[in-house]
């Protein structure tokens, strides 16, 4: 299966909240990306991608595409890490890994970190994309970026005076990658100018496109990993982190619903369910891009 990807660099902080204005994720989930692309597609007439992933960090110092592009650590790998006696604190910190680990890597035993073993060395998944192969030595880890609090001011609609407020945002220090299937690439270039996430009117969430490309994945298998937020149905087994989420629309709210998060692994004759309000035009896309693991 051939999948397209776009690498982007954020030029301003972004805000993707979980519970309030003072809480922001450090990556952009697939449902947020899909909603933004859908709005642009409706206004421009450009074709929407069939499926999109979340935005994952990129290691700009990777030696090739497979060592640069990131994706979530499969939930089944984390289970295997616990079984092999790897410290729980290391397994919990392992959120993202390079594409190379999915291609030819495996979980390495050891108590000093959660590692992916590759032909040329090992990579610390609990620190990626901060460090390279352990044999080459480690460089100082600066993380994915930093969190900031931005002060804003607006005019109150009720008493017509100043209404100051604060919002949490995240400033990435590394590029991010989005995988997608089909659609017009120009939508991502337009989205970078408009911005993604919350508070776009004050300049948050803007980015520039660095490159487009394509990668190959398995054509079929027994277990599939989600590259985004999904609502699987009809599955035989599911491993991963579940969350209860709600979404605000122009004419109401969708949810609360139980969804499987990035890195979740499903088996069986599964499908993904998109959710739509019956009393208003409000649709939430919960069928993200997914790839076969085996």
Protein backbone atom coordinates (compact mmCIF):
# COMPACT_ATOMS: atom_id res chain seq x y z
CA UNK A 1 0.00 0.00 0.00
CA UNK A 2 1.49 3.31 -1.10
CA UNK A 3 0.78 6.30 1.14
CA UNK A 4 1.66 9.96 0.63
CA UNK A 5 3.17 12.18 3.30
CA UNK A 6 3.83 15.87 3.87
CA UNK A 7 6.55 17.25 6.16
CA UNK A 8 5.78 20.64 7.68
CA UNK A 9 7.38 23.14 10.01
CA UNK A 10 5.20 25.20 12.34
CA UNK A 11 5.92 28.92 12.12
CA UNK A 12 3.70 29.79 15.08
CA UNK A 13 2.53 27.93 18.20
CA UNK A 14 -0.58 25.77 17.92
CA UNK A 15 -3.41 25.11 20.35
CA UNK A 16 -5.21 21.77 20.29
CA UNK A 17 -7.04 21.61 23.59
CA UNK A 18 -8.17 18.65 25.63
CA UNK A 19 -10.31 20.17 28.37
CA UNK A 20 -9.79 23.94 28.42
CA UNK A 21 -7.91 26.90 26.93
CA UNK A 22 -5.14 26.24 29.44
CA UNK A 23 -4.36 22.75 28.18
CA UNK A 24 -2.86 21.90 24.78
CA UNK A 25 -1.58 18.71 23.17
CA UNK A 26 1.96 18.57 21.73
CA UNK A 27 0.79 16.97 18.47
CA UNK A 28 -2.23 17.43 16.19
CA UNK A 29 -4.76 14.54 16.16
CA UNK A 30 -6.18 13.23 12.89
CA UNK A 31 -9.75 14.34 13.63
CA UNK A 32 -8.59 17.96 13.99
CA UNK A 33 -6.65 17.76 10.71
CA UNK A 34 -9.54 16.18 8.85
CA UNK A 35 -12.01 18.84 10.01
CA UNK A 36 -9.67 21.63 8.89
CA UNK A 37 -9.08 20.02 5.48
CA UNK A 38 -12.80 19.37 5.02
CA UNK A 39 -13.59 23.04 5.59
CA UNK A 40 -10.94 24.11 3.06
CA UNK A 41 -12.09 21.52 0.54
CA UNK A 42 -15.68 22.75 0.78
CA UNK A 43 -14.65 26.37 0.18
CA UNK A 44 -12.10 25.75 -2.59
CA UNK A 45 -13.43 22.69 -4.40
CA UNK A 46 -10.09 20.87 -4.06
CA UNK A 47 -10.37 17.12 -3.51
CA UNK A 48 -10.18 15.88 0.08
CA UNK A 49 -7.79 13.11 1.12
CA UNK A 50 -9.66 9.86 1.72
CA UNK A 51 -7.89 9.33 5.03
CA UNK A 52 -5.34 11.31 7.05
CA UNK A 53 -3.11 10.58 10.03
CA UNK A 54 -2.28 12.71 13.03
CA UNK A 55 0.76 15.01 12.80
CA UNK A 56 3.79 13.20 14.27
CA UNK A 57 7.29 14.53 15.04
CA UNK A 58 10.17 14.19 12.59
CA UNK A 59 13.84 13.67 13.43
CA UNK A 60 15.59 16.17 11.11
CA UNK A 61 18.95 14.47 11.78
CA UNK A 62 17.83 11.07 10.49
CA UNK A 63 20.10 9.56 7.85
CA UNK A 64 17.27 8.67 5.47
CA UNK A 65 13.51 9.00 5.08
CA UNK A 66 12.75 5.97 7.25
CA UNK A 67 14.84 7.32 10.14
CA UNK A 68 13.38 10.82 9.84
CA UNK A 69 9.63 10.22 9.60
CA UNK A 70 7.84 9.48 12.85
CA UNK A 71 4.79 7.46 13.80
CA UNK A 72 3.23 6.18 17.05
CA UNK A 73 4.70 3.27 18.96
CA UNK A 74 2.29 0.30 18.50
CA UNK A 75 0.39 -0.58 21.66
CA UNK A 76 1.39 -4.22 21.18
CA UNK A 77 5.07 -3.19 21.36
CA UNK A 78 4.42 -1.57 24.73
CA UNK A 79 2.76 -4.75 25.99
CA UNK A 80 5.79 -6.70 24.80
CA UNK A 81 8.08 -4.23 26.56
CA UNK A 82 6.30 -4.80 29.88
CA UNK A 83 6.53 -8.58 29.39
CA UNK A 84 10.29 -8.34 28.78
CA UNK A 85 10.80 -6.51 32.05
CA UNK A 86 11.53 -3.06 30.63
CA UNK A 87 10.90 -0.37 33.23
CA UNK A 88 7.35 0.98 33.19
CA UNK A 89 8.52 4.60 33.21
CA UNK A 90 10.42 4.01 29.96
CA UNK A 91 7.52 2.25 28.24
CA UNK A 92 5.05 4.99 29.20
CA UNK A 93 7.35 7.70 27.83
CA UNK A 94 7.69 5.92 24.47
CA UNK A 95 5.12 7.64 22.27
CA UNK A 96 6.73 8.00 18.85
CA UNK A 97 9.29 6.09 16.81
CA UNK A 98 10.92 6.32 13.37
CA UNK A 99 9.39 4.51 10.42
CA UNK A 100 12.57 2.39 10.29
CA UNK A 101 11.51 0.59 13.47
CA UNK A 102 8.28 -0.52 11.84
CA UNK A 103 10.17 -1.72 8.78
CA UNK A 104 12.94 -3.81 10.31
CA UNK A 105 13.08 -3.13 14.03
CA UNK A 106 12.13 -5.09 17.14
CA UNK A 107 11.85 -4.45 20.86
CA UNK A 108 15.22 -4.81 22.60
CA UNK A 109 15.48 -6.14 26.12
CA UNK A 110 17.17 -4.00 28.74
CA UNK A 111 16.43 -2.03 31.87
CA UNK A 112 18.00 1.30 30.84
CA UNK A 113 15.36 2.35 28.34
CA UNK A 114 12.76 1.20 25.83
CA UNK A 115 14.78 0.48 22.69
CA UNK A 116 14.14 -0.45 19.09
CA UNK A 117 16.84 -2.72 17.70
CA UNK A 118 17.83 -1.99 14.09
CA UNK A 119 20.52 -3.59 11.90
CA UNK A 120 22.89 -0.68 12.56
CA UNK A 121 22.26 -0.12 16.26
CA UNK A 122 19.55 0.72 18.78
CA UNK A 123 17.26 3.73 19.20
CA UNK A 124 15.79 4.90 22.51
CA UNK A 125 12.04 5.11 21.93
CA UNK A 126 11.45 6.77 25.29
CA UNK A 127 13.52 9.75 24.06
CA UNK A 128 12.97 9.78 20.30
CA UNK A 129 13.35 12.00 18.29
CA UNK A 130 15.93 13.53 20.62
CA UNK A 131 18.72 10.97 20.33
CA UNK A 132 20.24 8.85 17.60
CA UNK A 133 21.64 5.33 17.77
CA UNK A 134 23.09 4.45 21.15
CA UNK A 135 26.37 3.30 19.63
CA UNK A 136 26.96 6.75 18.18
CA UNK A 137 26.44 8.46 21.51
CA UNK A 138 23.59 10.64 22.65
CA UNK A 139 23.14 14.32 22.08
CA UNK A 140 21.30 16.64 24.49
CA UNK A 141 17.57 16.09 24.32
CA UNK A 142 15.42 19.17 23.83
CA UNK A 143 12.14 17.32 23.40
CA UNK A 144 9.46 18.04 20.84
CA UNK A 145 9.19 21.68 21.83
CA UNK A 146 7.94 23.84 24.68
CA UNK A 147 4.62 24.93 26.13
CA UNK A 148 3.77 28.60 26.44
CA UNK A 149 0.93 30.71 27.76
CA UNK A 150 -0.28 33.49 25.48
CA UNK A 151 -2.23 36.49 26.78
CA UNK A 152 -5.05 37.79 24.59
CA UNK A 153 -7.67 40.50 24.76
CA UNK A 154 -11.08 40.84 23.16
CA UNK A 155 -14.16 43.00 23.41
CA UNK A 156 -16.90 41.47 25.54
CA UNK A 157 -20.20 41.00 23.69
CA UNK A 158 -22.19 41.69 26.84
CA UNK A 159 -20.72 44.78 28.49
CA UNK A 160 -18.59 46.10 25.58
CA UNK A 161 -15.33 46.36 27.49
CA UNK A 162 -11.97 44.58 27.58
CA UNK A 163 -12.15 40.83 28.18
CA UNK A 164 -8.58 39.56 28.71
CA UNK A 165 -7.86 35.84 28.72
CA UNK A 166 -4.96 33.40 28.45
CA UNK A 167 -4.47 30.36 26.24
CA UNK A 168 -1.97 27.50 26.39
CA UNK A 169 -0.09 26.65 23.19
CA UNK A 170 2.76 24.45 22.04
CA UNK A 171 5.84 25.60 20.08
CA UNK A 172 7.42 22.65 18.22
CA UNK A 173 11.20 22.52 17.90
CA UNK A 174 11.12 19.79 15.22
CA UNK A 175 9.18 19.36 11.96
CA UNK A 176 6.05 17.19 11.85
CA UNK A 177 4.74 14.69 9.29
CA UNK A 178 1.19 13.91 8.18
CA UNK A 179 0.44 10.76 6.19
CA UNK A 180 -2.53 10.85 3.82
CA UNK A 181 -4.26 8.84 1.13
CA UNK A 182 -5.44 10.55 -2.07
CA UNK A 183 -6.66 14.13 -2.40
CA UNK A 184 -5.10 17.35 -3.67
CA UNK A 185 -1.76 18.24 -2.06
CA UNK A 186 -2.47 21.94 -2.42
CA UNK A 187 -4.89 21.71 0.50
CA UNK A 188 -1.95 21.34 2.90
CA UNK A 189 -0.23 24.43 1.51
CA UNK A 190 -3.44 26.42 1.95
CA UNK A 191 -3.96 25.00 5.44
CA UNK A 192 -0.50 26.22 6.45
CA UNK A 193 -1.52 29.79 5.64
CA UNK A 194 -4.89 29.53 7.40
CA UNK A 195 -3.63 27.64 10.44
CA UNK A 196 -4.79 24.56 12.31
CA UNK A 197 -6.21 24.08 15.78
CA UNK A 198 -7.80 26.72 17.98
CA UNK A 199 -7.38 30.50 18.06
CA UNK A 200 -6.39 30.73 14.40
CA UNK A 201 -7.81 34.25 14.26
CA UNK A 202 -4.86 35.46 16.37
CA UNK A 203 -2.25 33.70 14.25
CA UNK A 204 -1.85 30.31 15.92
CA UNK A 205 -1.28 27.02 14.09
CA UNK A 206 0.41 28.32 10.93
CA UNK A 207 3.04 26.20 9.17
CA UNK A 208 5.06 25.88 5.97
CA UNK A 209 5.30 22.77 3.82
CA UNK A 210 8.87 21.42 3.55
CA UNK A 211 8.37 18.40 1.31
CA UNK A 212 5.95 15.86 -0.13
CA UNK A 213 6.75 12.20 -0.68
CA UNK A 214 5.46 8.63 -0.68
CA UNK A 215 6.20 5.52 1.38
CA UNK A 216 5.14 1.88 1.04
CA UNK A 217 3.40 -0.20 3.70
CA UNK A 218 2.17 -3.80 3.85
CA UNK A 219 -0.80 -4.62 1.61
CA UNK A 220 -2.57 -6.83 4.15
CA UNK A 221 -2.30 -8.64 7.45
CA UNK A 222 -4.01 -9.74 10.64
CA UNK A 223 -3.34 -6.71 12.86
CA UNK A 224 -3.58 -3.02 11.97
CA UNK A 225 -2.30 0.08 13.78
CA UNK A 226 -4.18 3.37 13.89
CA UNK A 227 -2.33 6.47 12.73
CA UNK A 228 -4.90 8.69 14.35
CA UNK A 229 -8.06 8.83 16.47
CA UNK A 230 -10.60 6.19 15.45
CA UNK A 231 -13.83 4.53 16.45
CA UNK A 232 -13.41 0.89 15.36
CA UNK A 233 -16.42 -1.44 15.19
CA UNK A 234 -16.72 -5.15 14.45
CA UNK A 235 -13.19 -5.91 15.64
CA UNK A 236 -12.13 -9.17 17.27
CA UNK A 237 -9.56 -7.62 19.59
CA UNK A 238 -8.23 -4.13 20.30
CA UNK A 239 -5.13 -3.14 22.26
CA UNK A 240 -4.30 0.45 23.13
CA UNK A 241 -5.41 3.57 24.94
CA UNK A 242 -9.10 4.43 24.82
CA UNK A 243 -10.48 7.87 25.63
CA UNK A 244 -13.90 9.46 25.96
CA UNK A 245 -14.15 12.60 23.82
CA UNK A 246 -16.71 15.19 22.76
CA UNK A 247 -16.56 17.73 19.92
CA UNK A 248 -18.24 21.08 19.53
CA UNK A 249 -19.96 21.90 16.24
CA UNK A 250 -21.61 25.09 15.03
CA UNK A 251 -25.04 23.71 15.86
CA UNK A 252 -24.38 21.48 18.84
CA UNK A 253 -22.08 18.85 20.33
CA UNK A 254 -21.13 15.33 19.26
CA UNK A 255 -20.39 12.87 22.03
CA UNK A 256 -19.30 11.80 24.49
CA UNK A 257 -17.90 8.83 22.54
CA UNK A 258 -15.28 6.19 23.25
CA UNK A 259 -12.41 6.28 20.73
CA UNK A 260 -9.13 4.41 20.26
CA UNK A 261 -6.09 6.69 20.18
CA UNK A 262 -2.93 6.75 18.05
CA UNK A 263 -0.94 3.53 18.14
CA UNK A 264 -3.94 1.37 18.99
CA UNK A 265 -3.90 -2.06 17.33
CA UNK A 266 -7.05 -3.84 16.11
CA UNK A 267 -7.61 -7.36 14.80
CA UNK A 268 -10.48 -9.03 12.98
CA UNK A 269 -12.99 -7.87 10.37
CA UNK A 270 -13.05 -4.27 11.60
CA UNK A 271 -14.44 -1.02 10.20
CA UNK A 272 -14.40 2.57 11.42
CA UNK A 273 -17.50 4.55 12.29
CA UNK A 274 -17.95 8.24 11.47
CA UNK A 275 -20.46 10.05 13.68
CA UNK A 276 -23.04 12.59 12.51
CA UNK A 277 -25.77 14.52 14.32
CA UNK A 278 -29.27 13.76 13.07
CA UNK A 279 -30.67 17.21 13.87
CA UNK A 280 -27.95 19.42 12.34
CA UNK A 281 -25.17 19.34 9.69
CA UNK A 282 -22.36 18.15 11.95
CA UNK A 283 -20.03 15.25 11.03
CA UNK A 284 -17.00 13.92 12.89
CA UNK A 285 -14.56 11.82 10.88
CA UNK A 286 -13.32 8.98 13.09
CA UNK A 287 -11.91 6.71 10.35
CA UNK A 288 -8.21 7.66 10.30
CA UNK A 289 -5.43 6.27 8.17
CA UNK A 290 -4.28 2.88 9.41
CA UNK A 291 -1.54 0.46 8.36
CA UNK A 292 -1.01 -3.29 8.61
CA UNK A 293 1.57 -4.48 11.13
CA UNK A 294 1.49 -8.19 10.29
